[in-house]
Amino acid sequence: MVPPLRGPQLSEQVAQRLSDAIQTGEWGRGDRLPTEAALVERFGISRSVVREAISMLRNAGLVTSRRGSGSFVAESPTVSLRMSIPDPGLQSVVEVLELRRPLEVEAARLAAERRTPSQLRRIRNAMADIDEAVEAGRSGVEEDMAFHRAIAEAANNVHFTAVLDFYNRFLHHAISVTRTNESLRETFMQQVVAEHQAMLDAISASDAEAAARAAAIHLEHAEARLRQAPPDLLKSMLERVEAQSGSPASTTGETR
């Protein structure tokens, strides 16, 4: 096993390492990638992070997936699209929440209508992963992202996950700030758990309107909780998250 990954954006790190392995010829065109279990052992991470990394490579055009067979190195070329990351700050985080709202509300609605039993299990497992991360003293950011991504996958529209993967770095920064803020108050954490549970319950019940409403409430409350933070505390949170994640000049998406 390679040394386990640590720090923010684990899914991006895994995706980068897998991409490097493909570029250096460890796996050639058409070769099957290792199983999820093998990649979990190789990198010392959770299955949800592996799945997100593989999905990022799939949306980047480097990997294709075949139901029941696994993931394979793609043969078609890709081109890169770049988008500048805005300056860090409260307004940037709020703007990402505004971007998430229409996307994730509709994803939750469609997930309630279209999810398969296996996709529902994946959403449940992702929620359990958040609890395990918090109990282990971790931030739960990666697991939180995986929860929302599992819902997007259950919408069974590849464009939802493609957009999520494209603005992954924006999303990671925003969720890092909101979860840092929420972790400072037990009532906030309880609210987040209840909001996630409401989304899961509605999707499980195939109640599209309730799922959309639960997703909208969750994102609206995330912004409200953030705005309740004292300015000096908010400033220190933003600085701490930025120091942990770095401040890259751009984020990259891939398309055919």
Protein backbone atom coordinates (compact mmCIF):
# COMPACT_ATOMS: atom_id res chain seq x y z
CA MET A 1 0.00 0.00 0.00
CA VAL A 2 1.25 3.48 -0.84
CA PRO A 3 1.43 5.98 2.06
CA PRO A 4 -2.17 6.97 2.92
CA LEU A 5 -3.39 10.32 1.69
CA ARG A 6 -4.00 13.09 4.17
CA GLY A 7 -5.37 16.62 4.03
CA PRO A 8 -8.10 18.26 1.98
CA GLN A 9 -9.52 17.23 -1.39
CA LEU A 10 -8.71 13.54 -1.03
CA SER A 11 -10.81 12.66 -4.06
CA GLU A 12 -8.80 15.08 -6.20
CA GLN A 13 -5.55 13.61 -4.90
CA VAL A 14 -6.70 10.08 -5.72
CA ALA A 15 -7.91 11.19 -9.15
CA GLN A 16 -4.54 12.84 -9.79
CA ARG A 17 -2.59 9.75 -8.73
CA LEU A 18 -4.72 7.50 -10.90
CA SER A 19 -4.36 9.93 -13.80
CA ASP A 20 -0.58 9.93 -13.32
CA ALA A 21 -0.57 6.13 -13.32
CA ILE A 22 -2.49 6.13 -16.60
CA GLN A 23 -0.17 8.71 -18.15
CA THR A 24 2.94 6.75 -17.14
CA GLY A 25 1.56 3.54 -18.59
CA GLU A 26 0.76 1.59 -15.45
CA TRP A 27 -2.59 0.96 -17.13
CA GLY A 28 -2.86 1.21 -20.90
CA ARG A 29 -5.82 2.10 -23.07
CA GLY A 30 -8.67 -0.29 -22.45
CA ASP A 31 -7.09 -1.77 -19.31
CA ARG A 32 -9.31 -2.45 -16.32
CA LEU A 33 -8.58 -0.36 -13.23
CA PRO A 34 -8.21 -2.07 -9.84
CA THR A 35 -11.41 -2.74 -7.90
CA GLU A 36 -12.77 -0.28 -5.35
CA ALA A 37 -11.56 -2.55 -2.55
CA ALA A 38 -8.05 -2.66 -4.04
CA LEU A 39 -7.93 1.14 -4.37
CA VAL A 40 -9.19 1.57 -0.79
CA GLU A 41 -6.29 -0.59 0.39
CA ARG A 42 -3.80 1.07 -1.94
CA PHE A 43 -4.55 4.63 -0.81
CA GLY A 44 -5.87 4.05 2.71
CA ILE A 45 -9.14 5.91 2.11
CA SER A 46 -12.87 5.22 2.13
CA ARG A 47 -14.91 3.73 -0.71
CA SER A 48 -16.88 6.96 -1.09
CA VAL A 49 -13.68 8.90 -1.85
CA VAL A 50 -12.59 6.24 -4.37
CA ARG A 51 -15.97 6.42 -6.11
CA GLU A 52 -15.81 10.19 -6.36
CA ALA A 53 -12.26 10.07 -7.76
CA ILE A 54 -13.23 7.46 -10.37
CA SER A 55 -16.27 9.54 -11.32
CA MET A 56 -14.08 12.62 -11.75
CA LEU A 57 -11.83 10.65 -14.12
CA ARG A 58 -14.89 9.34 -15.95
CA ASN A 59 -16.26 12.84 -16.44
CA ALA A 60 -12.78 13.97 -17.52
CA GLY A 61 -12.89 11.39 -20.29
CA LEU A 62 -9.98 9.32 -18.93
CA VAL A 63 -12.04 6.40 -17.67
CA THR A 64 -15.16 4.55 -18.78
CA SER A 65 -17.35 2.34 -16.61
CA ARG A 66 -19.18 -0.82 -17.60
CA ARG A 67 -22.00 -2.02 -15.39
CA GLY A 68 -20.94 -5.17 -13.60
CA SER A 69 -17.44 -5.11 -15.07
CA GLY A 70 -15.71 -2.16 -13.43
CA SER A 71 -13.82 0.88 -14.74
CA PHE A 72 -11.47 0.93 -17.73
CA VAL A 73 -8.96 3.37 -19.19
CA ALA A 74 -10.64 5.25 -22.05
CA GLU A 75 -9.20 5.45 -25.54
CA SER A 76 -10.57 8.80 -26.75
CA PRO A 77 -8.62 12.06 -26.22
CA THR A 78 -9.80 14.95 -24.05
CA VAL A 79 -9.27 18.69 -23.96
CA SER A 80 -8.99 20.88 -20.88
CA LEU A 81 -11.27 23.73 -19.86
CA ARG A 82 -10.17 26.12 -17.10
CA MET A 83 -12.14 28.40 -14.84
CA SER A 84 -10.56 30.86 -12.42
CA ILE A 85 -11.27 30.45 -8.75
CA PRO A 86 -12.58 33.65 -7.08
CA ASP A 87 -10.86 35.25 -4.13
CA PRO A 88 -11.62 33.46 -0.84
CA GLY A 89 -14.17 35.09 1.42
CA LEU A 90 -17.71 34.91 2.72
CA GLN A 91 -19.21 36.23 -0.51
CA SER A 92 -17.54 33.48 -2.54
CA VAL A 93 -18.89 30.82 -0.18
CA VAL A 94 -22.39 32.32 -0.38
CA GLU A 95 -22.17 32.42 -4.18
CA VAL A 96 -21.31 28.71 -4.27
CA LEU A 97 -24.32 28.01 -2.03
CA GLU A 98 -26.45 29.99 -4.50
CA LEU A 99 -25.04 27.90 -7.35
CA ARG A 100 -25.67 24.66 -5.48
CA ARG A 101 -29.30 25.48 -4.71
CA PRO A 102 -30.96 25.04 -8.13
CA LEU A 103 -28.64 22.18 -9.07
CA GLU A 104 -28.95 20.10 -5.91
CA VAL A 105 -32.62 20.80 -5.30
CA GLU A 106 -33.48 19.43 -8.73
CA ALA A 107 -31.04 16.54 -8.27
CA ALA A 108 -32.81 15.57 -5.04
CA ARG A 109 -36.19 15.79 -6.76
CA LEU A 110 -35.07 13.52 -9.59
CA ALA A 111 -33.28 11.16 -7.20
CA ALA A 112 -36.56 10.56 -5.38
CA GLU A 113 -38.19 9.67 -8.69
CA ARG A 114 -35.39 7.69 -10.33
CA ARG A 115 -33.09 6.21 -7.69
CA THR A 116 -32.41 2.50 -7.77
CA PRO A 117 -32.15 0.33 -4.63
CA SER A 118 -28.36 0.24 -4.95
CA GLN A 119 -28.20 4.03 -5.32
CA LEU A 120 -30.35 4.44 -2.22
CA ARG A 121 -27.94 2.18 -0.31
CA ARG A 122 -25.07 4.33 -1.51
CA ILE A 123 -26.74 7.49 -0.17
CA ARG A 124 -27.34 5.78 3.17
CA ASN A 125 -23.76 4.57 3.31
CA ALA A 126 -22.48 8.05 2.49
CA MET A 127 -24.50 9.50 5.36
CA ALA A 128 -23.10 6.84 7.71
CA ASP A 129 -19.60 7.76 6.53
CA ILE A 130 -20.19 11.37 7.67
CA ASP A 131 -21.09 10.16 11.17
CA GLU A 132 -18.03 7.91 11.30
CA ALA A 133 -15.76 10.75 10.18
CA VAL A 134 -17.10 13.11 12.85
CA GLU A 135 -16.79 10.44 15.55
CA ALA A 136 -13.18 9.88 14.47
CA GLY A 137 -12.45 13.59 14.87
CA ARG A 138 -12.27 14.40 11.17
CA SER A 139 -14.04 17.30 9.47
CA GLY A 140 -16.32 15.11 7.37
CA VAL A 141 -15.93 17.41 4.36
CA GLU A 142 -15.06 14.65 1.88
CA GLU A 143 -17.86 12.48 3.25
CA ASP A 144 -20.33 15.39 3.08
CA MET A 145 -19.39 15.97 -0.55
CA ALA A 146 -19.81 12.25 -1.25
CA PHE A 147 -23.31 12.32 0.29
CA HIS A 148 -24.47 15.12 -1.99
CA ARG A 149 -22.74 13.51 -4.95
CA ALA A 150 -24.48 10.19 -4.29
CA ILE A 151 -27.80 12.04 -4.51
CA ALA A 152 -26.74 13.63 -7.80
CA GLU A 153 -25.80 10.19 -9.14
CA ALA A 154 -29.23 8.89 -8.14
CA ALA A 155 -30.81 11.54 -10.39
CA ASN A 156 -29.54 9.34 -13.25
CA ASN A 157 -28.53 12.32 -15.36
CA VAL A 158 -24.78 12.36 -16.03
CA HIS A 159 -24.74 16.14 -16.43
CA PHE A 160 -25.46 16.68 -12.73
CA THR A 161 -22.36 14.77 -11.67
CA ALA A 162 -20.30 16.31 -14.46
CA VAL A 163 -21.09 19.83 -13.20
CA LEU A 164 -20.39 18.82 -9.58
CA ASP A 165 -17.03 17.40 -10.59
CA PHE A 166 -16.17 20.50 -12.62
CA TYR A 167 -16.58 22.85 -9.66
CA ASN A 168 -15.28 20.33 -7.12
CA ARG A 169 -12.61 22.67 -5.75
CA PHE A 170 -15.14 25.49 -5.25
CA LEU A 171 -17.45 23.07 -3.48
CA HIS A 172 -14.71 21.68 -1.24
CA HIS A 173 -13.76 25.15 -0.02
CA ALA A 174 -17.39 26.16 0.60
CA ILE A 175 -18.29 22.96 2.47
CA SER A 176 -15.07 23.21 4.50
CA VAL A 177 -16.12 26.67 5.69
CA THR A 178 -19.75 25.74 6.40
CA ARG A 179 -18.81 22.54 8.27
CA THR A 180 -16.15 24.37 10.28
CA ASN A 181 -18.77 26.91 11.30
CA GLU A 182 -21.36 24.24 12.10
CA SER A 183 -18.92 22.22 14.19
CA LEU A 184 -18.59 25.14 16.60
CA ARG A 185 -22.15 24.67 17.89
CA GLU A 186 -23.76 21.39 18.83
CA THR A 187 -27.17 22.73 17.78
CA PHE A 188 -25.80 23.47 14.31
CA MET A 189 -24.44 19.94 13.94
CA GLN A 190 -27.77 18.49 15.06
CA GLN A 191 -29.55 20.62 12.47
CA VAL A 192 -27.24 19.40 9.69
CA VAL A 193 -27.80 15.75 10.65
CA ALA A 194 -31.57 16.30 10.72
CA GLU A 195 -31.50 18.06 7.33
CA HIS A 196 -29.48 15.26 5.74
CA GLN A 197 -31.86 12.71 7.25
CA ALA A 198 -34.85 14.58 5.83
CA MET A 199 -33.32 14.41 2.36
CA LEU A 200 -32.58 10.71 2.74
CA ASP A 201 -36.07 9.94 4.07
CA ALA A 202 -37.79 11.76 1.21
CA ILE A 203 -35.65 10.06 -1.43
CA SER A 204 -36.24 6.70 0.25
CA ALA A 205 -40.00 7.37 0.19
CA SER A 206 -39.83 8.43 -3.49
CA ASP A 207 -41.39 11.76 -2.47
CA ALA A 208 -39.97 14.14 -5.07
CA GLU A 209 -41.44 17.34 -3.67
CA ALA A 210 -40.35 16.55 -0.12
CA ALA A 211 -36.84 15.73 -1.35
CA ALA A 212 -36.57 19.01 -3.24
CA ARG A 213 -37.93 20.93 -0.24
CA ALA A 214 -35.49 19.20 2.13
CA ALA A 215 -32.53 20.02 -0.15
CA ALA A 216 -33.61 23.66 -0.44
CA ILE A 217 -34.03 23.99 3.32
CA HIS A 218 -30.61 22.44 3.93
CA LEU A 219 -28.83 24.92 1.66
CA GLU A 220 -30.83 27.90 2.90
CA HIS A 221 -30.04 26.98 6.50
CA ALA A 222 -26.35 26.48 5.67
CA GLU A 223 -26.20 30.09 4.48
CA ALA A 224 -28.18 31.32 7.49
CA ARG A 225 -25.88 29.47 9.90
CA LEU A 226 -22.87 30.96 8.17
CA ARG A 227 -24.23 34.49 8.44
CA GLN A 228 -24.73 34.01 12.19
CA ALA A 229 -20.99 33.60 12.74
CA PRO A 230 -19.31 36.65 14.34
CA PRO A 231 -17.17 38.53 11.76
CA ASP A 232 -13.87 37.91 13.57
CA LEU A 233 -14.65 34.19 13.92
CA LEU A 234 -15.70 33.96 10.28
CA LYS A 235 -12.47 35.65 9.20
CA SER A 236 -10.37 33.18 11.17
CA MET A 237 -12.37 30.23 9.76
CA LEU A 238 -11.84 31.40 6.18
CA GLU A 239 -8.13 31.90 6.79
CA ARG A 240 -7.78 28.47 8.41
CA VAL A 241 -9.63 26.67 5.62
CA GLU A 242 -7.65 28.55 2.97
CA ALA A 243 -4.36 27.65 4.68
CA GLN A 244 -5.35 24.00 4.76
CA SER A 245 -6.53 23.79 1.16
CA GLY A 246 -4.20 26.23 -0.56
CA SER A 247 -5.30 28.85 -3.07
CA PRO A 248 -4.93 27.46 -6.58
CA ALA A 249 -5.25 29.83 -9.50
CA SER A 250 -7.75 27.76 -11.42
CA THR A 251 -9.82 24.61 -11.47
CA THR A 252 -9.85 22.30 -14.45
CA GLY A 253 -12.61 20.35 -16.09
CA GLU A 254 -12.24 17.96 -18.98
CA THR A 255 -14.53 17.41 -21.92
CA ARG A 256 -14.41 15.56 -25.18
